[in-house]
C-alpha cells in the first residue's frame, strides 16, 4: 500500500511551494503575497472577527507567523487587529471595508493565474483530484487535532 503514498506526500509538499513561488513572481511589486492572500481568505470565510489563535489553527501555522502576516496586512490597510472587549489577552482580526474595487480588479487576473496551474488537466481529473485532496485534508486535520 505504501507504493505511491510517499510520492504523493513529497509531490504535494513540493507542488504547494512551487505554486507559491509562481504566484508571488506573477503578482505586481507591492501586491499581496500568496500567504497574505490566504490569510485574508480564511478571515473572510470565518464570517466573524476571528482571533489570531483561530486563524492560526485553520492555517496550521504559529501565532507568530499569523501576527507577522497581519502586521504586513495592516500596513497595506487590509485589516485591523484589536483586543477583545471581554479578554484583553485575545487579539481579534477585522477586515477593512471598501476593498471591493481592489478585489474586482484582481479577480480576472487571479482566475487566469489559477487556470494556468491546471493546464493540461481535464475537468474529470480536476474533480477527482479535488475529491482526493479533500479527504486527505480531513485526515490531516484529524491528526493535528488528536496529537
Protein backbone atom coordinates (compact mmCIF):
# COMPACT_ATOMS: atom_id res chain seq x y z
CA UNK A 1 0.00 0.00 0.00
CA UNK A 2 2.98 2.30 0.54
CA UNK A 3 3.55 2.43 -3.20
CA UNK A 4 2.69 5.91 -4.39
CA UNK A 5 1.98 7.43 -0.96
CA UNK A 6 5.50 8.76 -0.49
CA UNK A 7 5.38 10.26 -3.97
CA UNK A 8 2.03 11.94 -3.24
CA UNK A 9 3.35 13.21 0.08
CA UNK A 10 6.54 14.63 -1.46
CA UNK A 11 4.86 15.99 -4.58
CA UNK A 12 2.12 17.71 -2.57
CA UNK A 13 4.69 19.49 -0.46
CA UNK A 14 6.85 20.49 -3.42
CA UNK A 15 3.89 21.49 -5.58
CA UNK A 16 2.46 23.89 -2.98
CA UNK A 17 5.86 25.52 -2.63
CA UNK A 18 6.20 25.86 -6.41
CA UNK A 19 2.69 27.32 -6.66
CA UNK A 20 3.59 29.88 -4.02
CA UNK A 21 6.76 30.88 -5.89
CA UNK A 22 4.84 31.09 -9.19
CA UNK A 23 2.05 33.18 -7.65
CA UNK A 24 4.43 35.58 -5.94
CA UNK A 25 6.50 36.01 -9.12
CA UNK A 26 3.46 36.78 -11.26
CA UNK A 27 2.00 39.44 -8.98
CA UNK A 28 2.96 43.08 -9.12
CA UNK A 29 5.52 44.55 -6.73
CA UNK A 30 3.85 45.54 -3.50
CA UNK A 31 0.82 43.34 -4.15
CA UNK A 32 -0.31 40.67 -1.72
CA UNK A 33 1.82 37.57 -1.30
CA UNK A 34 0.07 34.22 -1.53
CA UNK A 35 0.34 33.77 2.26
CA UNK A 36 -1.22 37.20 2.83
CA UNK A 37 -3.99 36.40 0.36
CA UNK A 38 -4.72 33.05 2.01
CA UNK A 39 -4.92 34.71 5.43
CA UNK A 40 -7.44 37.25 4.10
CA UNK A 41 -9.50 34.47 2.51
CA UNK A 42 -9.54 32.49 5.76
CA UNK A 43 -10.54 35.53 7.83
CA UNK A 44 -13.25 36.41 5.31
CA UNK A 45 -14.62 32.87 5.25
CA UNK A 46 -14.76 32.64 9.03
CA UNK A 47 -17.54 35.23 8.95
CA UNK A 48 -16.99 36.81 12.34
CA UNK A 49 -13.96 38.69 13.57
CA UNK A 50 -11.77 35.69 14.42
CA UNK A 51 -8.91 35.56 16.87
CA UNK A 52 -5.30 35.08 15.86
CA UNK A 53 -5.47 31.67 17.56
CA UNK A 54 -8.46 30.61 15.43
CA UNK A 55 -6.79 31.72 12.20
CA UNK A 56 -3.52 30.04 13.22
CA UNK A 57 -5.42 26.81 13.73
CA UNK A 58 -7.11 26.92 10.32
CA UNK A 59 -3.83 27.77 8.55
CA UNK A 60 -1.92 25.20 10.63
CA UNK A 61 0.76 27.72 11.47
CA UNK A 62 2.06 29.54 14.53
CA UNK A 63 0.60 32.57 16.26
CA UNK A 64 3.85 34.41 15.44
CA UNK A 65 3.56 33.67 11.69
CA UNK A 66 -0.02 34.92 11.61
CA UNK A 67 0.97 38.01 13.62
CA UNK A 68 3.77 38.79 11.13
CA UNK A 69 1.36 38.48 8.17
CA UNK A 70 -1.19 40.65 9.97
CA UNK A 71 1.43 43.35 10.58
CA UNK A 72 2.14 43.42 6.84
CA UNK A 73 -1.59 43.49 6.01
CA UNK A 74 -2.21 46.31 8.48
CA UNK A 75 0.49 48.37 6.74
CA UNK A 76 -1.27 47.67 3.42
CA UNK A 77 -4.59 48.72 5.02
CA UNK A 78 -6.39 45.36 4.61
CA UNK A 79 -7.01 44.51 8.26
CA UNK A 80 -7.23 45.94 11.74
CA UNK A 81 -6.34 44.00 14.86
CA UNK A 82 -7.77 44.84 18.26
CA UNK A 83 -8.03 43.44 21.77
CA UNK A 84 -11.18 41.51 22.61
CA UNK A 85 -13.51 43.54 24.85
CA UNK A 86 -14.05 40.69 27.31
CA UNK A 87 -10.49 39.35 27.39
CA UNK A 88 -7.72 41.81 26.52
CA UNK A 89 -5.25 38.93 26.04
CA UNK A 90 -7.16 37.88 22.91
CA UNK A 91 -6.44 39.67 19.63
CA UNK A 92 -9.21 39.77 17.04
CA UNK A 93 -8.95 40.48 13.31
CA UNK A 94 -11.27 42.75 11.36
CA UNK A 95 -11.17 43.08 7.57
CA UNK A 96 -11.14 46.66 6.35
CA UNK A 97 -14.15 47.83 4.39
CA UNK A 98 -14.01 49.41 0.95
CA UNK A 99 -11.74 46.89 -0.77
CA UNK A 100 -14.38 45.76 -3.31
CA UNK A 101 -12.69 47.65 -6.14
CA UNK A 102 -9.33 46.05 -5.35
CA UNK A 103 -10.82 42.54 -5.37
CA UNK A 104 -12.81 43.17 -8.56
CA UNK A 105 -9.70 44.42 -10.38
CA UNK A 106 -7.64 41.37 -9.49
CA UNK A 107 -10.39 38.76 -10.00
CA UNK A 108 -9.77 38.12 -13.73
CA UNK A 109 -6.02 38.03 -13.21
CA UNK A 110 -6.36 35.53 -10.35
CA UNK A 111 -8.66 33.28 -12.40
CA UNK A 112 -6.14 33.21 -15.27
CA UNK A 113 -3.28 32.53 -12.87
CA UNK A 114 -5.09 29.60 -11.24
CA UNK A 115 -6.24 28.18 -14.58
CA UNK A 116 -2.62 28.22 -15.78
CA UNK A 117 -1.68 25.96 -12.86
CA UNK A 118 -4.17 23.33 -14.06
CA UNK A 119 -3.18 23.48 -17.72
CA UNK A 120 -3.49 20.09 -19.40
CA UNK A 121 -5.91 18.59 -16.87
CA UNK A 122 -9.41 17.53 -17.85
CA UNK A 123 -12.43 18.56 -15.79
CA UNK A 124 -12.67 14.94 -14.62
CA UNK A 125 -9.03 14.98 -13.49
CA UNK A 126 -9.68 18.16 -11.53
CA UNK A 127 -12.81 16.73 -9.87
CA UNK A 128 -11.03 13.51 -8.83
CA UNK A 129 -8.04 15.45 -7.53
CA UNK A 130 -10.26 17.85 -5.57
CA UNK A 131 -12.17 14.94 -4.01
CA UNK A 132 -8.95 13.16 -3.04
CA UNK A 133 -7.38 16.33 -1.60
CA UNK A 134 -10.50 16.99 0.50
CA UNK A 135 -10.24 13.52 2.03
CA UNK A 136 -6.51 13.97 2.68
CA UNK A 137 -7.23 17.37 4.26
CA UNK A 138 -9.82 15.82 6.59
CA UNK A 139 -7.36 13.11 7.64
CA UNK A 140 -4.61 15.67 8.26
CA UNK A 141 -6.98 17.89 10.25
CA UNK A 142 -7.98 14.94 12.47
CA UNK A 143 -4.33 14.02 13.01
CA UNK A 144 -3.44 17.57 14.05
CA UNK A 145 -6.34 17.81 16.49
CA UNK A 146 -5.64 14.45 18.13
CA UNK A 147 -1.91 14.87 18.70
